[in-house]
């Protein structure tokens, strides 16, 4: 049983994906029993796709527009994602 889900990333990841996009990937992965490494790869692949997009609305382009800049697309940068599922071990003696 999954008790804790850890997702660690560098800033560039958050500049290219909205929270709802990340949540959708993670929820689907957990429900399907997908390995954390594969989940991280899926998130990184989508972040990379958004980073090189010239026309897609991203958190980066939204923030730039809010600051008065004409901007669309993602922010190319390095992308690092680590996903870990933490679950209770039912076999551990709790005394």
N, C-alpha and C. Protein backbone atom coordinates (compact mmCIF):
# COMPACT_ATOMS: atom_id res chain seq x y z
N UNK A 1 0.84 -1.18 0.00
CA UNK A 1 0.00 0.00 0.00
C UNK A 1 0.88 1.25 0.00
N UNK A 2 0.66 2.13 -0.95
CA UNK A 2 1.42 3.37 -1.06
C UNK A 2 1.02 4.31 0.07
N UNK A 3 2.01 4.78 0.82
CA UNK A 3 1.74 5.71 1.91
C UNK A 3 2.27 7.10 1.62
N UNK A 4 3.43 7.17 0.98
CA UNK A 4 4.05 8.46 0.69
C UNK A 4 4.58 8.42 -0.74
N UNK A 5 4.39 9.50 -1.45
CA UNK A 5 4.94 9.64 -2.79
C UNK A 5 5.89 10.84 -2.76
N UNK A 6 7.14 10.61 -3.12
CA UNK A 6 8.13 11.69 -3.17
C UNK A 6 8.46 12.00 -4.62
N UNK A 7 8.41 13.27 -4.97
CA UNK A 7 8.84 13.71 -6.29
C UNK A 7 9.83 14.84 -6.07
N UNK A 8 11.04 14.65 -6.54
CA UNK A 8 12.08 15.67 -6.43
C UNK A 8 12.43 16.14 -7.83
N UNK A 9 12.63 17.44 -7.98
CA UNK A 9 12.95 17.96 -9.31
C UNK A 9 13.76 19.25 -9.20
N UNK A 10 14.33 19.62 -10.32
CA UNK A 10 15.01 20.91 -10.44
C UNK A 10 13.99 21.94 -10.91
N UNK A 11 14.30 23.20 -10.72
CA UNK A 11 13.39 24.29 -11.05
C UNK A 11 12.89 24.23 -12.49
N UNK A 12 13.73 23.86 -13.43
CA UNK A 12 13.33 23.88 -14.84
C UNK A 12 12.13 22.98 -15.10
N UNK A 13 12.01 21.92 -14.34
CA UNK A 13 10.87 21.01 -14.47
C UNK A 13 9.58 21.76 -14.13
N UNK A 14 9.57 22.51 -13.04
CA UNK A 14 8.38 23.23 -12.61
C UNK A 14 8.05 24.39 -13.55
N UNK A 15 9.03 24.88 -14.30
CA UNK A 15 8.77 25.97 -15.23
C UNK A 15 8.06 25.49 -16.49
N UNK A 16 8.06 24.19 -16.73
CA UNK A 16 7.52 23.66 -17.98
C UNK A 16 6.26 22.82 -17.82
N UNK A 17 5.90 22.45 -16.61
CA UNK A 17 4.70 21.64 -16.39
C UNK A 17 3.83 22.25 -15.31
N UNK A 18 2.53 22.25 -15.55
CA UNK A 18 1.58 22.69 -14.53
C UNK A 18 1.35 21.54 -13.54
N UNK A 19 0.96 21.89 -12.33
CA UNK A 19 0.72 20.87 -11.30
C UNK A 19 -0.30 19.83 -11.73
N UNK A 20 -1.36 20.24 -12.43
CA UNK A 20 -2.37 19.28 -12.85
C UNK A 20 -1.82 18.27 -13.87
N UNK A 21 -0.85 18.68 -14.68
CA UNK A 21 -0.23 17.74 -15.63
C UNK A 21 0.60 16.70 -14.87
N UNK A 22 1.33 17.14 -13.87
CA UNK A 22 2.14 16.24 -13.06
C UNK A 22 1.24 15.28 -12.30
N UNK A 23 0.19 15.84 -11.70
CA UNK A 23 -0.75 15.02 -10.92
C UNK A 23 -1.38 13.94 -11.78
N UNK A 24 -1.78 14.27 -12.99
CA UNK A 24 -2.40 13.28 -13.88
C UNK A 24 -1.45 12.13 -14.18
N UNK A 25 -0.20 12.43 -14.46
CA UNK A 25 0.79 11.38 -14.74
C UNK A 25 0.97 10.49 -13.52
N UNK A 26 1.13 11.11 -12.35
CA UNK A 26 1.39 10.35 -11.13
C UNK A 26 0.19 9.49 -10.73
N UNK A 27 -1.01 10.05 -10.78
CA UNK A 27 -2.20 9.29 -10.42
C UNK A 27 -2.37 8.09 -11.35
N UNK A 28 -2.22 8.30 -12.64
CA UNK A 28 -2.33 7.19 -13.60
C UNK A 28 -1.27 6.13 -13.32
N UNK A 29 -0.05 6.56 -13.02
CA UNK A 29 1.04 5.61 -12.77
C UNK A 29 0.80 4.80 -11.51
N UNK A 30 0.37 5.45 -10.45
CA UNK A 30 0.11 4.74 -9.19
C UNK A 30 -1.02 3.75 -9.37
N UNK A 31 -2.09 4.17 -10.01
CA UNK A 31 -3.24 3.26 -10.24
C UNK A 31 -2.85 2.06 -11.09
N UNK A 32 -1.96 2.28 -12.05
CA UNK A 32 -1.54 1.20 -12.95
C UNK A 32 -0.39 0.37 -12.37
N UNK A 33 0.14 0.78 -11.22
CA UNK A 33 1.25 0.05 -10.61
C UNK A 33 2.55 0.22 -11.36
N UNK A 34 2.72 1.34 -12.02
CA UNK A 34 3.93 1.59 -12.80
C UNK A 34 5.10 1.90 -11.87
N UNK A 35 6.25 1.39 -12.20
CA UNK A 35 7.48 1.57 -11.44
C UNK A 35 7.82 3.06 -11.30
N UNK A 36 8.35 3.49 -10.14
CA UNK A 36 8.70 4.90 -9.95
C UNK A 36 9.67 5.44 -11.01
N UNK A 37 10.62 4.61 -11.44
CA UNK A 37 11.58 5.08 -12.45
C UNK A 37 10.87 5.40 -13.76
N UNK A 38 9.92 4.56 -14.13
CA UNK A 38 9.16 4.80 -15.36
C UNK A 38 8.31 6.06 -15.21
N UNK A 39 7.74 6.25 -14.03
CA UNK A 39 6.96 7.45 -13.76
C UNK A 39 7.83 8.70 -13.91
N UNK A 40 9.02 8.67 -13.34
CA UNK A 40 9.96 9.80 -13.46
C UNK A 40 10.31 10.05 -14.93
N UNK A 41 10.51 8.98 -15.69
CA UNK A 41 10.84 9.13 -17.11
C UNK A 41 9.69 9.76 -17.88
N UNK A 42 8.46 9.39 -17.54
CA UNK A 42 7.29 9.97 -18.21
C UNK A 42 7.18 11.47 -17.90
N UNK A 43 7.38 11.82 -16.64
CA UNK A 43 7.32 13.23 -16.26
C UNK A 43 8.43 14.02 -16.97
N UNK A 44 9.64 13.49 -16.96
CA UNK A 44 10.77 14.17 -17.59
C UNK A 44 10.56 14.31 -19.09
N UNK A 45 10.01 13.29 -19.73
CA UNK A 45 9.77 13.35 -21.17
C UNK A 45 8.77 14.45 -21.51
N UNK A 46 7.70 14.56 -20.72
CA UNK A 46 6.72 15.62 -20.98
C UNK A 46 7.33 17.00 -20.70
N UNK A 47 8.11 17.11 -19.63
CA UNK A 47 8.77 18.39 -19.32
C UNK A 47 9.72 18.79 -20.45
N UNK A 48 10.44 17.82 -20.98
CA UNK A 48 11.37 18.08 -22.09
C UNK A 48 10.60 18.54 -23.34
N UNK A 49 9.47 17.88 -23.60
CA UNK A 49 8.65 18.24 -24.76
C UNK A 49 8.13 19.68 -24.61
N UNK A 50 7.69 20.03 -23.41
CA UNK A 50 7.20 21.39 -23.16
C UNK A 50 8.34 22.41 -23.23
N UNK A 51 9.53 22.02 -22.79
CA UNK A 51 10.67 22.94 -22.76
C UNK A 51 11.05 23.41 -24.16
N UNK A 52 10.92 22.55 -25.15
CA UNK A 52 11.31 22.92 -26.51
C UNK A 52 10.15 23.44 -27.35
N UNK A 53 8.95 23.40 -26.78
CA UNK A 53 7.78 23.91 -27.49
C UNK A 53 7.86 25.42 -27.62
N UNK A 54 7.54 25.92 -28.80
CA UNK A 54 7.57 27.36 -29.01
C UNK A 54 6.19 28.00 -28.82
N UNK A 55 5.15 27.18 -28.78
CA UNK A 55 3.80 27.74 -28.78
C UNK A 55 2.94 27.29 -27.60
N UNK A 56 3.34 26.28 -26.91
CA UNK A 56 2.54 25.74 -25.80
C UNK A 56 2.59 26.68 -24.60
N UNK A 57 1.44 26.88 -23.96
CA UNK A 57 1.41 27.68 -22.73
C UNK A 57 2.00 26.84 -21.60
N UNK A 58 2.94 27.41 -20.87
CA UNK A 58 3.62 26.73 -19.77
C UNK A 58 3.65 27.67 -18.56
N UNK A 59 3.98 27.16 -17.38
CA UNK A 59 4.13 28.06 -16.23
C UNK A 59 5.15 29.17 -16.50
N UNK A 60 6.21 28.85 -17.23
CA UNK A 60 7.22 29.85 -17.58
C UNK A 60 6.62 30.96 -18.44
N UNK A 61 5.91 30.58 -19.50
CA UNK A 61 5.35 31.60 -20.39
C UNK A 61 4.23 32.38 -19.70
N UNK A 62 3.48 31.73 -18.83
CA UNK A 62 2.44 32.43 -18.07
C UNK A 62 3.06 33.49 -17.17
N UNK A 63 4.13 33.13 -16.45
CA UNK A 63 4.81 34.09 -15.56
C UNK A 63 5.41 35.24 -16.36
N UNK A 64 5.97 34.93 -17.53
CA UNK A 64 6.55 35.98 -18.37
C UNK A 64 5.46 36.95 -18.85
N UNK A 65 4.33 36.40 -19.27
CA UNK A 65 3.22 37.24 -19.72
C UNK A 65 2.68 38.09 -18.58
N UNK A 66 2.59 37.50 -17.38
CA UNK A 66 2.13 38.26 -16.21
C UNK A 66 3.07 39.42 -15.89
N UNK A 67 4.35 39.26 -16.24
CA UNK A 67 5.35 40.31 -16.00
C UNK A 67 5.43 41.31 -17.15
N UNK A 68 4.56 41.13 -18.17
CA UNK A 68 4.51 42.09 -19.26
C UNK A 68 5.31 41.72 -20.49
N UNK A 69 5.87 40.52 -20.53
CA UNK A 69 6.65 40.09 -21.69
C UNK A 69 5.76 39.34 -22.68
N UNK A 70 6.09 39.42 -23.95
CA UNK A 70 5.44 38.61 -24.97
C UNK A 70 6.21 37.31 -25.05
N UNK A 71 5.60 36.25 -24.62
CA UNK A 71 6.32 34.98 -24.52
C UNK A 71 5.34 33.82 -24.65
N UNK A 72 5.76 32.79 -25.34
CA UNK A 72 5.01 31.53 -25.37
C UNK A 72 6.02 30.40 -25.39
N UNK A 73 5.57 29.24 -25.02
CA UNK A 73 6.45 28.08 -25.02
C UNK A 73 7.13 27.85 -23.68
N UNK A 74 7.99 26.85 -23.69
CA UNK A 74 8.67 26.44 -22.46
C UNK A 74 10.02 27.11 -22.30
N UNK A 75 10.72 26.68 -21.25
CA UNK A 75 12.05 27.21 -20.96
C UNK A 75 13.04 26.06 -21.06
N UNK A 76 13.85 26.02 -22.12
CA UNK A 76 14.85 24.96 -22.26
C UNK A 76 15.86 25.03 -21.11
N UNK A 77 16.09 23.91 -20.50
CA UNK A 77 17.01 23.82 -19.37
C UNK A 77 17.22 22.34 -19.09
N UNK A 78 18.10 22.04 -18.15
CA UNK A 78 18.27 20.64 -17.78
C UNK A 78 17.04 20.20 -16.99
N UNK A 79 16.68 18.94 -17.12
CA UNK A 79 15.49 18.41 -16.47
C UNK A 79 15.88 17.18 -15.67
N UNK A 80 15.65 17.24 -14.37
CA UNK A 80 15.95 16.13 -13.49
C UNK A 80 14.71 15.83 -12.65
N UNK A 81 14.27 14.58 -12.65
CA UNK A 81 13.11 14.17 -11.87
C UNK A 81 13.43 12.86 -11.17
N UNK A 82 13.11 12.78 -9.89
CA UNK A 82 13.25 11.54 -9.12
C UNK A 82 11.90 11.26 -8.48
N UNK A 83 11.39 10.05 -8.66
CA UNK A 83 10.13 9.65 -8.04
C UNK A 83 10.40 8.45 -7.16
N UNK A 84 9.82 8.46 -5.97
CA UNK A 84 9.97 7.34 -5.05
C UNK A 84 8.63 7.06 -4.40
N UNK A 85 8.26 5.79 -4.34
CA UNK A 85 7.06 5.37 -3.63
C UNK A 85 7.52 4.80 -2.29
N UNK A 86 6.92 5.24 -1.21
CA UNK A 86 7.27 4.74 0.11
C UNK A 86 6.04 4.05 0.67
N UNK A 87 6.21 2.80 1.07
CA UNK A 87 5.09 2.02 1.60
C UNK A 87 5.50 1.35 2.90
N UNK A 88 4.51 1.05 3.72
CA UNK A 88 4.77 0.34 4.97
C UNK A 88 5.12 -1.10 4.67
N UNK A 89 6.05 -1.64 5.43
CA UNK A 89 6.40 -3.05 5.32
C UNK A 89 5.61 -3.79 6.37
N UNK A 90 4.66 -4.59 5.93
CA UNK A 90 3.78 -5.32 6.84
C UNK A 90 4.53 -6.38 7.64
N UNK A 91 5.74 -6.72 7.21
CA UNK A 91 6.50 -7.78 7.88
C UNK A 91 7.40 -7.27 9.01
N UNK A 92 7.47 -5.97 9.20
CA UNK A 92 8.33 -5.42 10.25
C UNK A 92 7.65 -5.59 11.60
N UNK A 93 8.41 -6.07 12.58
CA UNK A 93 7.91 -6.22 13.94
C UNK A 93 7.76 -4.83 14.54
N UNK A 94 6.55 -4.47 14.95
CA UNK A 94 6.28 -3.12 15.43
C UNK A 94 6.44 -2.98 16.94
N UNK A 95 6.97 -3.98 17.62
CA UNK A 95 7.14 -3.90 19.08
C UNK A 95 8.26 -3.02 19.47
